[in-house]
Amino acid sequence: MSAFGTSKFQLKCPLEKQGLYNTASIIHNATTAELYEHALRRQEGQVAHRGPFVVRTGKFTGRAPNDKFIVREPSSEDKIGWGDVNRPFDTADFDRIHQKVLAFFQSREVFVQDCYVGADAQNRLAVRIISEKAWHSMFARNMFLRILDESELAGFVPEFTVIDAPSFLADPELDHTRSQAFILMHFGKKLVLIGGTGYGGEIKKSMFTVMNYLLPAKGVLPMHCSANVGKDGTSAVFFGLSGTGKTSLSADPERELIGDDEHGWTDKGIFNFEGGCYAKVIRLSPTAEPDIFNCTRLFGTVLENVIMDPETRRLDLDADTITENTRAAYPIHYIANASSSGEAPHPTNIVMLTADAFGVLPPISRLTTEQAMYHFLTGYTAKVAGTEAGIVEPQTTFSTCFGAPFMILPPTVYAELLGRKVVEHKSTCWLINTGWTGGGYGTGKRISIDYTRKMVRAALNGGFESVAFKTEEYFGLSIPTACPGVPPEVLNPVNTWADKEAYRATAADLRSRFRKNFAKFESHAPHLRDIM
């Protein structure tokens, strides 16, 4: 590298091959320190106390799912699960925007990171991230797997490319986008175009979507989950939507962290897609989340929309002045007990997390393979008042495969893969409710995180092997009758409700919501129709 991050060797795949000409300069595979210098020179952000880089993402402080489209083209159109999530985009419109974006980069600095998605060498994807902003290049360097060998970089040929131009605004009338922002995925050209949004998560999630498209054809299950491994070598994966405790429960000091968000399950075991973590940091506690809290104080961490005192440069992680969705992007090796390989054996345990605001699901239950497939397809949790504007009472949320916005194929493709792997590798599946007990939101109380941790540890460490289980009547779930350190009455939700009739009515109502939601899967998964 030169002092300004440009390559000192001849690239096997120069940017001209990807349509970029007449750029002012190309900053190729710059180090973190170099990218700090570029970002500061360009006034893209500020350095906070102890060294993290603080940025503002502009209008968009989260993903823009309504602005994501899939190009309908011959190589992929018969594979995509078209619908409300995967909406088609015309090839001619894509080509026109592509040319506009390439023209936008002329006479501009261009930042490039060449990296891998996937720790498993047999299933990784070579990806080139071309970005307008230095801090987006730093974000990509944090989130994906770095290539440290210079000769390997010199011979790098991308299999997929992301071109990221947050300052380029589409013209919806001419370009046929929904707004000025766009995330356009063309599987035939192996290209993603991002414009009009500065939110770093679009770069990360676009590649997760690509992996969700590519891997099932190879018999690999892509998973929106965290994963860890115990000292005995047994691994576990944790599925769960935002607010269910996925990050907290998988970050166990007694277990090694494989990754916190995206993994694949092959015939050999599981592997992390990423080289970093993208943690939500609003009101982050130094006692409850010490590892993640420490990462917000480290050089190289990118902090999105976090409030900072302009004079002292100290962070205020409690402030939601800009957004509730404040984020930290940092390399996974910043976590003390993170895996260096990003790989682990087949999961002995699969944990599906839900935050049931109606207070009727058991805090822990063991699932059959068919129940696991059902709950995987369902992806249930509940949003409560205060989480989003306009929500004044609990609302059921069903996100297919615990990651509907990124599941590009028909959902049953992923569910069938999960079922086959669970049977083949004899994984034990669990449904854990981190939500309410003794009544719904506003009446009951949140299940103690201490109790939940004890139940998770018992599940992962074989603590229920000699315990009797009881099947409850509304959801057909198998509930343990005892758990070390947890009062027995807590394990069955009906015991925690003072008003038993209210419990029965609420449980029956939630069951009917499950059934109504599952109706859209019945034609493709008739064998799961009677699970609930």
Protein backbone atom coordinates (compact mmCIF):
# COMPACT_ATOMS: atom_id res chain seq x y z
CA MET A 1 0.00 0.00 0.00
CA SER A 2 1.06 3.57 -0.58
CA ALA A 3 0.58 6.28 2.01
CA PHE A 4 -2.82 6.93 0.50
CA GLY A 5 -4.02 3.35 0.26
CA THR A 6 -3.60 2.82 -3.49
CA SER A 7 -2.27 -0.53 -4.66
CA LYS A 8 1.47 -0.95 -5.18
CA PHE A 9 0.90 -3.98 -7.38
CA GLN A 10 -0.89 -4.58 -10.66
CA LEU A 11 -4.45 -5.76 -10.03
CA LYS A 12 -5.68 -8.85 -11.85
CA CYS A 13 -9.15 -7.28 -11.99
CA PRO A 14 -8.83 -3.47 -12.31
CA LEU A 15 -11.88 -1.25 -11.97
CA GLU A 16 -11.98 -0.55 -15.69
CA LYS A 17 -13.19 -4.14 -16.10
CA GLN A 18 -16.17 -3.16 -13.94
CA GLY A 19 -16.97 -0.05 -15.94
CA LEU A 20 -15.30 2.63 -13.82
CA TYR A 21 -13.21 5.10 -15.85
CA ASN A 22 -11.73 8.55 -15.31
CA THR A 23 -11.87 8.43 -11.53
CA ALA A 24 -9.91 11.06 -9.61
CA SER A 25 -8.15 8.34 -7.62
CA ILE A 26 -8.68 4.80 -6.42
CA ILE A 27 -7.99 4.03 -2.76
CA HIS A 28 -7.72 0.27 -2.92
CA ASN A 29 -7.74 -1.96 0.18
CA ALA A 30 -6.67 0.82 2.49
CA THR A 31 -5.97 -0.04 6.11
CA THR A 32 -8.18 1.18 8.93
CA ALA A 33 -5.70 3.91 9.87
CA GLU A 34 -5.54 5.14 6.28
CA LEU A 35 -9.32 5.18 6.02
CA TYR A 36 -9.50 7.26 9.21
CA GLU A 37 -7.23 9.82 7.55
CA HIS A 38 -9.29 9.89 4.37
CA ALA A 39 -12.60 10.10 6.22
CA LEU A 40 -11.35 12.97 8.41
CA ARG A 41 -9.92 14.81 5.40
CA ARG A 42 -13.29 14.46 3.69
CA GLN A 43 -15.16 15.52 6.87
CA GLU A 44 -17.22 12.32 6.87
CA GLY A 45 -17.22 12.00 10.67
CA GLN A 46 -15.36 12.61 13.91
CA VAL A 47 -13.10 10.69 16.26
CA ALA A 48 -14.63 10.14 19.69
CA HIS A 49 -12.95 9.68 23.07
CA ARG A 50 -10.71 6.57 22.97
CA GLY A 51 -10.82 6.37 19.18
CA PRO A 52 -14.06 5.11 17.59
CA PHE A 53 -15.20 6.89 14.43
CA VAL A 54 -18.62 8.56 14.73
CA VAL A 55 -20.71 9.14 11.59
CA ARG A 56 -24.18 10.28 10.60
CA THR A 57 -26.03 8.20 8.02
CA GLY A 58 -28.30 11.03 6.90
CA LYS A 59 -32.00 10.62 6.14
CA PHE A 60 -31.89 6.86 6.54
CA THR A 61 -30.97 5.59 10.01
CA GLY A 62 -32.04 2.05 9.21
CA ARG A 63 -32.62 -0.18 6.23
CA ALA A 64 -35.02 0.92 3.49
CA PRO A 65 -36.79 -2.40 2.71
CA ASN A 66 -39.39 -0.73 0.49
CA ASP A 67 -36.60 0.54 -1.77
CA LYS A 68 -35.01 -2.89 -2.35
CA PHE A 69 -35.73 -4.63 -5.64
CA ILE A 70 -34.59 -7.77 -7.44
CA VAL A 71 -33.93 -7.51 -11.16
CA ARG A 72 -36.15 -9.95 -13.03
CA GLU A 73 -33.74 -11.67 -15.42
CA PRO A 74 -33.49 -15.15 -16.99
CA SER A 75 -30.84 -16.70 -14.74
CA SER A 76 -32.77 -16.20 -11.50
CA GLU A 77 -36.41 -15.32 -12.13
CA ASP A 78 -37.71 -18.89 -11.75
CA LYS A 79 -35.85 -19.30 -8.42
CA ILE A 80 -36.87 -16.12 -6.58
CA GLY A 81 -39.72 -16.18 -4.10
CA TRP A 82 -41.47 -13.15 -5.59
CA GLY A 83 -43.87 -11.21 -3.39
CA ASP A 84 -44.06 -8.27 -1.02
CA VAL A 85 -40.43 -8.71 0.05
CA ASN A 86 -38.80 -9.71 -3.24
CA ARG A 87 -40.23 -7.25 -5.74
CA PRO A 88 -39.17 -7.28 -9.40
CA PHE A 89 -37.24 -4.55 -11.21
CA ASP A 90 -36.92 -4.14 -14.96
CA THR A 91 -33.56 -4.97 -16.58
CA ALA A 92 -33.56 -1.90 -18.80
CA ASP A 93 -34.22 0.35 -15.80
CA PHE A 94 -31.37 -1.35 -13.92
CA ASP A 95 -28.96 -0.87 -16.83
CA ARG A 96 -29.84 2.81 -17.07
CA ILE A 97 -29.27 3.43 -13.35
CA HIS A 98 -26.06 1.39 -13.52
CA GLN A 99 -24.68 3.67 -16.22
CA LYS A 100 -25.70 6.75 -14.26
CA VAL A 101 -23.92 5.47 -11.16
CA LEU A 102 -20.76 4.70 -13.14
CA ALA A 103 -20.86 8.24 -14.56
CA PHE A 104 -21.36 9.60 -11.04
CA PHE A 105 -17.99 8.15 -10.00
CA GLN A 106 -16.07 9.90 -12.77
CA SER A 107 -13.69 12.55 -11.41
CA ARG A 108 -14.35 11.30 -7.87
CA GLU A 109 -12.29 9.41 -5.31
CA VAL A 110 -13.27 5.77 -5.20
CA PHE A 111 -12.75 3.52 -2.18
CA VAL A 112 -12.46 -0.21 -2.76
CA GLN A 113 -12.31 -3.14 -0.37
CA ASP A 114 -11.73 -6.67 -1.64
CA CYS A 115 -12.83 -9.26 0.89
CA TYR A 116 -14.58 -12.56 1.47
CA VAL A 117 -18.02 -13.40 2.77
CA GLY A 118 -17.81 -16.73 4.56
CA ALA A 119 -15.16 -18.28 6.80
CA ASP A 120 -15.48 -21.67 5.08
CA ALA A 121 -13.04 -21.68 2.15
CA GLN A 122 -15.26 -24.03 0.15
CA ASN A 123 -18.33 -21.83 0.47
CA ARG A 124 -16.97 -18.30 0.73
CA LEU A 125 -17.73 -15.58 -1.79
CA ALA A 126 -15.15 -13.14 -3.15
CA VAL A 127 -16.73 -9.68 -2.94
CA ARG A 128 -15.59 -6.23 -4.06
CA ILE A 129 -17.15 -3.24 -2.28
CA ILE A 130 -16.81 -0.04 -4.32
CA SER A 131 -17.89 2.96 -2.30
CA GLU A 132 -18.12 6.72 -2.50
CA LYS A 133 -17.27 7.25 1.16
CA ALA A 134 -14.16 6.29 3.10
CA TRP A 135 -16.15 5.31 6.16
CA HIS A 136 -18.25 2.88 4.13
CA SER A 137 -15.00 1.24 3.05
CA MET A 138 -14.03 1.04 6.72
CA PHE A 139 -17.46 -0.43 7.50
CA ALA A 140 -16.95 -3.13 4.84
CA ARG A 141 -13.44 -3.81 6.15
CA ASN A 142 -14.93 -4.36 9.62
CA MET A 143 -17.92 -6.46 8.58
CA PHE A 144 -16.44 -8.82 6.02
CA LEU A 145 -13.41 -11.10 6.08
CA ARG A 146 -10.17 -9.27 5.37
CA ILE A 147 -7.54 -10.58 2.97
CA LEU A 148 -4.17 -9.84 4.55
CA ASP A 149 -1.89 -11.52 2.02
CA GLU A 150 -0.83 -8.98 -0.64
CA SER A 151 -0.22 -11.56 -3.34
CA GLU A 152 -3.72 -12.94 -2.76
CA LEU A 153 -5.10 -9.41 -3.08
CA ALA A 154 -3.16 -8.87 -6.30
CA GLY A 155 -4.82 -11.93 -7.81
CA PHE A 156 -8.26 -11.13 -6.45
CA VAL A 157 -11.17 -11.53 -8.87
CA PRO A 158 -14.57 -10.59 -7.42
CA GLU A 159 -17.45 -13.02 -7.81
CA PHE A 160 -19.91 -10.34 -6.72
CA THR A 161 -19.65 -6.56 -6.62
CA VAL A 162 -21.42 -3.90 -4.57
CA ILE A 163 -21.34 -0.35 -5.93
CA ASP A 164 -22.33 2.01 -3.14
CA ALA A 165 -23.10 5.68 -3.92
CA PRO A 166 -25.08 7.24 -1.06
CA SER A 167 -24.95 10.75 -2.58
CA PHE A 168 -26.43 9.59 -5.88
CA LEU A 169 -30.19 10.15 -5.86
CA ALA A 170 -32.49 8.35 -8.24
CA ASP A 171 -35.27 10.12 -10.09
CA PRO A 172 -38.32 7.94 -9.31
CA GLU A 173 -40.25 9.23 -12.33
CA LEU A 174 -37.45 8.45 -14.79
CA ASP A 175 -35.73 5.55 -13.03
CA HIS A 176 -38.90 3.79 -11.83
CA THR A 177 -37.64 3.46 -8.27
CA ARG A 178 -39.97 4.00 -5.33
CA SER A 179 -37.95 6.95 -4.02
CA GLN A 180 -34.55 8.58 -4.46
CA ALA A 181 -33.02 5.66 -2.56
CA PHE A 182 -32.52 2.21 -4.09
CA ILE A 183 -31.00 -1.18 -3.37
CA LEU A 184 -31.00 -3.12 -6.65
CA MET A 185 -29.78 -6.72 -6.92
CA HIS A 186 -28.92 -8.30 -10.28
CA PHE A 187 -28.01 -11.97 -9.86
CA GLY A 188 -27.22 -12.44 -13.53
CA LYS A 189 -24.60 -9.66 -13.49
CA LYS A 190 -23.58 -10.51 -9.91
CA LEU A 191 -23.98 -6.87 -9.01
CA VAL A 192 -25.65 -4.81 -6.29
CA LEU A 193 -26.30 -1.08 -6.70
CA ILE A 194 -26.96 1.04 -3.59
CA GLY A 195 -27.80 4.73 -3.79
CA GLY A 196 -29.54 7.49 -1.89
CA THR A 197 -28.91 6.01 1.56
CA GLY A 198 -25.88 6.26 3.83
CA TYR A 199 -26.93 3.48 6.21
CA GLY A 200 -24.06 0.98 6.36
CA GLY A 201 -26.34 -1.96 7.07
CA GLU A 202 -27.50 -1.98 3.43
CA ILE A 203 -24.02 -3.11 2.37
CA LYS A 204 -23.94 -5.90 4.96
CA LYS A 205 -27.47 -7.17 4.34
CA SER A 206 -27.19 -7.08 0.56
CA MET A 207 -24.43 -9.67 0.79
CA PHE A 208 -26.41 -11.76 3.27
CA THR A 209 -29.24 -11.79 0.72
CA VAL A 210 -26.79 -12.93 -1.96
CA MET A 211 -25.60 -15.80 0.25
CA ASN A 212 -29.22 -16.75 0.90
CA TYR A 213 -29.63 -17.06 -2.87
CA LEU A 214 -26.44 -18.98 -3.65
CA LEU A 215 -25.94 -21.46 -0.81
CA PRO A 216 -29.11 -23.62 -0.76
CA ALA A 217 -28.26 -24.93 -4.25
CA LYS A 218 -25.07 -26.32 -2.67
CA GLY A 219 -26.98 -27.95 0.19
CA VAL A 220 -25.85 -25.25 2.62
CA LEU A 221 -28.42 -23.62 4.92
CA PRO A 222 -27.90 -19.85 5.34
CA MET A 223 -29.10 -18.69 8.76
CA HIS A 224 -29.90 -15.30 10.29
CA CYS A 225 -28.61 -16.29 13.71
CA SER A 226 -25.83 -15.96 16.25
CA ALA A 227 -23.69 -18.94 17.20
CA ASN A 228 -21.32 -20.05 19.94
CA VAL A 229 -19.42 -23.14 21.03
CA GLY A 230 -18.82 -24.58 24.49
CA LYS A 231 -15.61 -25.80 26.06
CA ASP A 232 -16.73 -29.36 25.29
CA GLY A 233 -16.85 -28.49 21.58
CA THR A 234 -20.64 -28.52 21.23
CA SER A 235 -22.06 -25.61 19.27
CA ALA A 236 -25.40 -23.82 19.39
CA VAL A 237 -27.20 -21.39 17.10
CA PHE A 238 -29.65 -18.70 18.20
CA PHE A 239 -32.42 -17.46 15.93
CA GLY A 240 -34.36 -14.38 16.97
CA LEU A 241 -35.70 -11.04 15.79
CA SER A 242 -34.70 -7.69 17.25
CA GLY A 243 -35.54 -7.39 20.93
CA THR A 244 -35.62 -11.12 21.69
CA GLY A 245 -32.17 -11.30 23.31
CA LYS A 246 -30.22 -13.05 20.53
CA THR A 247 -27.04 -11.04 21.06
CA SER A 248 -27.24 -11.07 24.87
CA LEU A 249 -27.88 -14.80 25.22
CA SER A 250 -25.29 -15.91 22.70
CA ALA A 251 -22.60 -13.71 24.29
CA ASP A 252 -21.82 -16.13 27.10
CA PRO A 253 -18.37 -15.72 28.74
CA GLU A 254 -18.23 -19.48 29.19
CA ARG A 255 -18.64 -20.12 25.45
CA GLU A 256 -16.67 -19.01 22.41
CA LEU A 257 -18.52 -16.65 20.04
CA ILE A 258 -18.57 -17.86 16.42
CA GLY A 259 -20.56 -14.89 15.16
CA ASP A 260 -23.48 -12.68 16.08
CA ASP A 261 -25.69 -12.52 12.99
CA GLU A 262 -25.11 -14.61 9.84
CA HIS A 263 -24.00 -18.22 9.44
CA GLY A 264 -24.09 -21.18 7.09
CA TRP A 265 -24.63 -24.87 7.91
CA THR A 266 -22.70 -27.24 5.65
CA ASP A 267 -22.04 -30.97 5.67
CA LYS A 268 -19.02 -30.20 7.89
CA GLY A 269 -20.59 -27.85 10.44
CA ILE A 270 -21.38 -24.16 10.77
CA PHE A 271 -19.41 -21.11 9.66
CA ASN A 272 -19.67 -17.36 10.11
CA PHE A 273 -20.35 -15.28 7.01
CA GLU A 274 -18.75 -12.21 8.53
CA GLY A 275 -15.56 -10.90 10.05
CA GLY A 276 -17.26 -8.42 12.33
CA CYS A 277 -20.30 -7.49 14.39
CA TYR A 278 -22.98 -4.87 13.84
CA ALA A 279 -24.48 -4.33 17.26
CA LYS A 280 -27.33 -2.10 18.33
CA VAL A 281 -25.93 0.14 21.10
CA ILE A 282 -28.82 2.28 22.31
CA ARG A 283 -28.76 2.30 26.13
CA LEU A 284 -25.98 -0.29 26.11
CA SER A 285 -25.10 -1.38 29.64
CA PRO A 286 -21.43 -1.76 30.66
CA THR A 287 -22.49 -4.41 33.19
CA ALA A 288 -25.00 -6.41 31.12
CA GLU A 289 -23.01 -6.17 27.82
CA PRO A 290 -19.40 -5.45 28.86
CA ASP A 291 -17.77 -6.83 25.69
CA ILE A 292 -19.93 -4.87 23.27
CA PHE A 293 -19.74 -1.77 25.48
CA ASN A 294 -15.95 -1.97 25.38
CA CYS A 295 -16.04 -2.15 21.58
CA THR A 296 -17.71 1.27 21.46
CA ARG A 297 -14.50 2.66 23.00
CA LEU A 298 -12.02 1.18 20.52
CA PHE A 299 -10.12 2.59 17.55
CA GLY A 300 -11.51 1.12 14.34
CA THR A 301 -15.11 0.82 15.53
CA VAL A 302 -17.58 2.73 13.36
CA LEU A 303 -20.46 4.26 15.34
CA GLU A 304 -23.57 5.18 13.39
CA ASN A 305 -25.75 8.02 14.69
CA VAL A 306 -24.42 7.81 18.26
CA ILE A 307 -24.57 11.10 20.15
CA MET A 308 -21.22 12.57 21.22
CA ASP A 309 -20.34 15.65 23.27
CA PRO A 310 -18.70 18.01 20.72
CA GLU A 311 -16.14 19.26 23.24
CA THR A 312 -15.18 16.26 25.36
CA ARG A 313 -15.85 13.77 22.53
CA ARG A 314 -17.43 11.40 25.07
CA LEU A 315 -20.31 9.22 23.92
CA ASP A 316 -23.86 9.25 25.22
CA LEU A 317 -25.16 5.79 24.41
CA ASP A 318 -28.48 6.54 26.13
CA ALA A 319 -29.37 9.36 23.74
CA ASP A 320 -31.87 8.64 20.98
CA THR A 321 -31.84 12.15 19.54
CA ILE A 322 -31.23 10.87 16.00
CA THR A 323 -32.59 7.33 16.21
CA GLU A 324 -33.22 4.35 18.47
CA ASN A 325 -31.24 2.33 15.95
CA THR A 326 -27.73 3.48 16.94
CA ARG A 327 -25.13 0.96 15.76
CA ALA A 328 -21.52 -0.09 16.22
CA ALA A 329 -19.61 -1.94 13.50
CA TYR A 330 -16.38 -3.56 14.69
CA PRO A 331 -14.13 -6.53 13.87
CA ILE A 332 -15.16 -9.70 15.68
CA HIS A 333 -11.66 -10.08 17.17
CA TYR A 334 -12.50 -7.08 19.36
CA ILE A 335 -14.63 -9.55 21.37
CA ALA A 336 -12.33 -11.33 23.84
CA ASN A 337 -13.76 -14.84 23.47
CA ALA A 338 -14.45 -14.71 19.72
CA SER A 339 -13.47 -17.63 17.52
CA SER A 340 -10.41 -17.08 15.37
CA SER A 341 -11.58 -19.56 12.72
CA GLY A 342 -15.25 -18.59 12.46
CA GLU A 343 -16.15 -22.27 12.19
CA ALA A 344 -17.65 -24.87 14.54
CA PRO A 345 -19.11 -28.40 14.49
CA HIS A 346 -22.73 -29.18 13.67
CA PRO A 347 -25.03 -27.51 16.23
CA THR A 348 -25.98 -29.78 19.08
CA ASN A 349 -28.69 -27.29 20.04
CA ILE A 350 -30.84 -24.89 18.02
CA VAL A 351 -32.49 -22.10 20.00
CA MET A 352 -35.38 -20.08 18.58
CA LEU A 353 -36.10 -16.92 20.54
CA THR A 354 -39.35 -15.01 20.78
CA ALA A 355 -40.51 -12.12 22.95
CA ASP A 356 -44.17 -12.98 23.47
CA ALA A 357 -45.86 -9.80 24.68
CA PHE A 358 -49.12 -11.73 25.23
CA GLY A 359 -47.48 -13.74 28.02
CA VAL A 360 -48.79 -17.18 27.04
CA LEU A 361 -45.82 -19.00 25.48
CA PRO A 362 -43.66 -21.03 27.88
CA PRO A 363 -40.27 -19.56 28.81
CA ILE A 364 -38.66 -22.73 27.43
CA SER A 365 -39.98 -25.69 25.49
CA ARG A 366 -38.42 -28.53 23.52
CA LEU A 367 -39.47 -28.85 19.88
CA THR A 368 -39.85 -31.81 17.57
CA THR A 369 -38.25 -31.47 14.14
CA GLU A 370 -41.64 -30.63 12.61
CA GLN A 371 -42.34 -28.03 15.31
CA ALA A 372 -38.92 -26.50 14.69
CA MET A 373 -39.67 -26.20 10.97
CA TYR A 374 -43.07 -24.66 11.78
CA HIS A 375 -41.64 -22.06 14.16
CA PHE A 376 -38.76 -21.40 11.76
CA LEU A 377 -41.24 -20.61 8.99
CA THR A 378 -43.33 -18.55 11.41
CA GLY A 379 -40.53 -16.45 12.97
CA TYR A 380 -42.83 -15.06 15.66
CA THR A 381 -42.26 -12.25 18.11
CA ALA A 382 -44.37 -9.31 19.30
CA LYS A 383 -43.73 -5.58 19.15
CA VAL A 384 -44.82 -3.52 22.12
CA ALA A 385 -45.71 0.12 22.69
CA GLY A 386 -42.74 2.42 22.24
CA THR A 387 -40.76 0.25 19.82
CA GLU A 388 -42.24 1.92 16.76
CA ALA A 389 -44.38 4.98 16.12
CA GLY A 390 -48.08 4.23 16.28
CA ILE A 391 -47.87 1.02 18.32
CA VAL A 392 -50.03 1.37 21.44
CA GLU A 393 -50.64 -2.33 22.20
CA PRO A 394 -48.82 -5.59 21.47
CA GLN A 395 -48.69 -6.55 17.81
CA THR A 396 -47.80 -9.97 16.45
CA THR A 397 -44.85 -9.98 14.09
CA PHE A 398 -44.11 -12.95 11.83
CA SER A 399 -40.77 -12.78 9.99
CA THR A 400 -40.17 -15.91 7.93
CA CYS A 401 -36.99 -17.80 8.87
CA PHE A 402 -36.33 -15.05 11.44
CA GLY A 403 -35.16 -12.84 8.58
CA ALA A 404 -37.89 -12.38 5.95
CA PRO A 405 -36.33 -9.28 4.28
CA PHE A 406 -33.27 -11.31 3.28
CA MET A 407 -34.80 -14.65 2.28
CA ILE A 408 -34.66 -14.51 -1.48
CA LEU A 409 -35.91 -18.03 -2.26
CA PRO A 410 -39.32 -19.48 -1.33
CA PRO A 411 -39.32 -19.87 2.50
CA THR A 412 -39.99 -23.60 2.44
CA VAL A 413 -36.62 -24.13 0.70
CA TYR A 414 -34.89 -22.99 3.90
CA ALA A 415 -37.30 -24.83 6.21
CA GLU A 416 -36.83 -28.15 4.42
CA LEU A 417 -33.05 -27.71 4.57
CA LEU A 418 -33.29 -27.03 8.30
CA GLY A 419 -35.44 -30.10 8.87
CA ARG A 420 -33.06 -32.38 6.96
CA LYS A 421 -30.02 -31.12 8.83
CA VAL A 422 -31.71 -31.36 12.24
CA VAL A 423 -32.57 -35.01 11.57
CA GLU A 424 -29.21 -35.88 10.03
CA HIS A 425 -27.15 -34.34 12.84
CA LYS A 426 -29.58 -35.07 15.69
CA SER A 427 -29.80 -31.46 16.86
CA THR A 428 -32.11 -30.64 19.75
CA CYS A 429 -34.40 -27.67 19.11
CA TRP A 430 -35.76 -25.26 21.70
CA LEU A 431 -38.26 -22.40 21.71
CA ILE A 432 -37.45 -19.79 24.35
CA ASN A 433 -39.77 -16.94 25.27
CA THR A 434 -37.93 -13.90 26.60
CA GLY A 435 -41.14 -11.87 26.73
CA TRP A 436 -43.85 -11.61 29.35
CA THR A 437 -45.27 -13.87 32.05
CA GLY A 438 -48.16 -13.61 34.49
CA GLY A 439 -50.12 -11.61 31.93
CA GLY A 440 -49.47 -9.72 28.75
CA TYR A 441 -47.62 -6.46 28.28
CA GLY A 442 -49.01 -3.88 30.72
CA THR A 443 -50.32 -6.54 33.12
CA GLY A 444 -47.61 -9.15 33.52
CA LYS A 445 -43.87 -8.66 33.79
CA ARG A 446 -40.88 -9.45 31.59
CA ILE A 447 -39.36 -12.86 32.25
CA SER A 448 -36.22 -12.49 34.35
CA ILE A 449 -33.09 -12.49 32.17
CA ASP A 450 -31.40 -14.40 34.99
CA TYR A 451 -34.01 -17.17 34.69
CA THR A 452 -33.66 -17.19 30.90
CA ARG A 453 -29.87 -17.53 31.11
CA LYS A 454 -30.25 -20.47 33.49
CA MET A 455 -32.72 -22.16 31.15
CA VAL A 456 -30.46 -21.63 28.13
CA ARG A 457 -27.45 -23.00 30.00
CA ALA A 458 -29.44 -26.04 31.12
CA ALA A 459 -30.54 -26.65 27.52
CA LEU A 460 -27.01 -26.34 26.13
CA ASN A 461 -25.33 -28.31 28.91
CA GLY A 462 -27.69 -31.29 29.06
CA GLY A 463 -29.44 -30.10 32.21
CA PHE A 464 -32.84 -31.37 31.03
CA GLU A 465 -31.80 -34.91 30.10
CA SER A 466 -33.24 -36.48 33.27
CA VAL A 467 -36.15 -34.04 33.65
CA ALA A 468 -39.77 -34.96 32.89
CA PHE A 469 -41.61 -32.89 30.26
CA LYS A 470 -45.30 -31.97 30.04
CA THR A 471 -47.22 -31.02 26.89
CA GLU A 472 -49.32 -27.85 27.17
CA GLU A 473 -52.69 -27.75 25.41
CA TYR A 474 -52.70 -24.66 23.18
CA PHE A 475 -49.47 -24.84 21.20
CA GLY A 476 -48.52 -28.49 21.72
CA LEU A 477 -45.22 -27.46 23.30
CA SER A 478 -43.22 -29.76 25.55
CA ILE A 479 -42.34 -27.98 28.81
CA PRO A 480 -39.72 -29.17 31.34
CA THR A 481 -41.08 -29.60 34.84
CA ALA A 482 -37.87 -28.46 36.53
CA CYS A 483 -34.80 -26.33 35.82
CA PRO A 484 -31.90 -25.61 38.20
CA GLY A 485 -32.26 -22.16 39.73
CA VAL A 486 -35.72 -21.49 38.28
CA PRO A 487 -38.96 -21.76 40.35
CA PRO A 488 -41.09 -24.62 38.90
CA GLU A 489 -44.20 -22.43 38.58
CA VAL A 490 -42.36 -20.12 36.17
CA LEU A 491 -41.92 -22.90 33.62
CA ASN A 492 -45.63 -23.22 32.78
CA PRO A 493 -47.18 -19.83 31.96
CA VAL A 494 -50.68 -20.77 33.09
CA ASN A 495 -49.33 -21.03 36.65
CA THR A 496 -48.20 -17.41 36.61
CA TRP A 497 -51.55 -15.93 35.59
CA ALA A 498 -53.96 -14.99 38.36
CA ASP A 499 -56.86 -14.92 35.90
CA LYS A 500 -56.88 -18.41 34.33
CA GLU A 501 -59.79 -17.63 32.00
CA ALA A 502 -57.93 -14.62 30.66
CA TYR A 503 -54.91 -16.85 30.04
CA ARG A 504 -57.00 -19.37 28.09
CA ALA A 505 -58.64 -16.68 25.97
CA THR A 506 -55.30 -15.02 25.21
CA ALA A 507 -53.60 -18.33 24.37
CA ALA A 508 -56.46 -19.29 22.04
CA ASP A 509 -56.25 -15.88 20.36
CA LEU A 510 -52.49 -16.16 19.76
CA ARG A 511 -52.90 -19.70 18.44
CA SER A 512 -55.45 -18.44 15.91
CA ARG A 513 -52.96 -15.78 14.78
CA PHE A 514 -50.33 -18.45 14.24
CA ARG A 515 -52.77 -20.50 12.16
CA LYS A 516 -53.84 -17.54 10.06
CA ASN A 517 -50.22 -16.63 9.34
CA PHE A 518 -49.28 -20.22 8.47
CA ALA A 519 -52.04 -20.51 5.88
CA LYS A 520 -49.73 -19.00 3.25
CA PHE A 521 -47.29 -21.91 3.66
CA GLU A 522 -49.81 -24.77 3.71
CA SER A 523 -49.72 -25.58 0.01
CA HIS A 524 -45.93 -26.01 0.14
CA ALA A 525 -45.73 -27.57 3.61
CA PRO A 526 -48.94 -29.58 4.10
CA HIS A 527 -47.19 -31.93 6.56
CA LEU A 528 -46.83 -29.03 9.00
CA ARG A 529 -50.45 -27.86 8.76
CA ASP A 530 -51.61 -29.53 11.98
CA ILE A 531 -48.64 -28.65 14.18
CA MET A 532 -50.77 -26.04 15.95
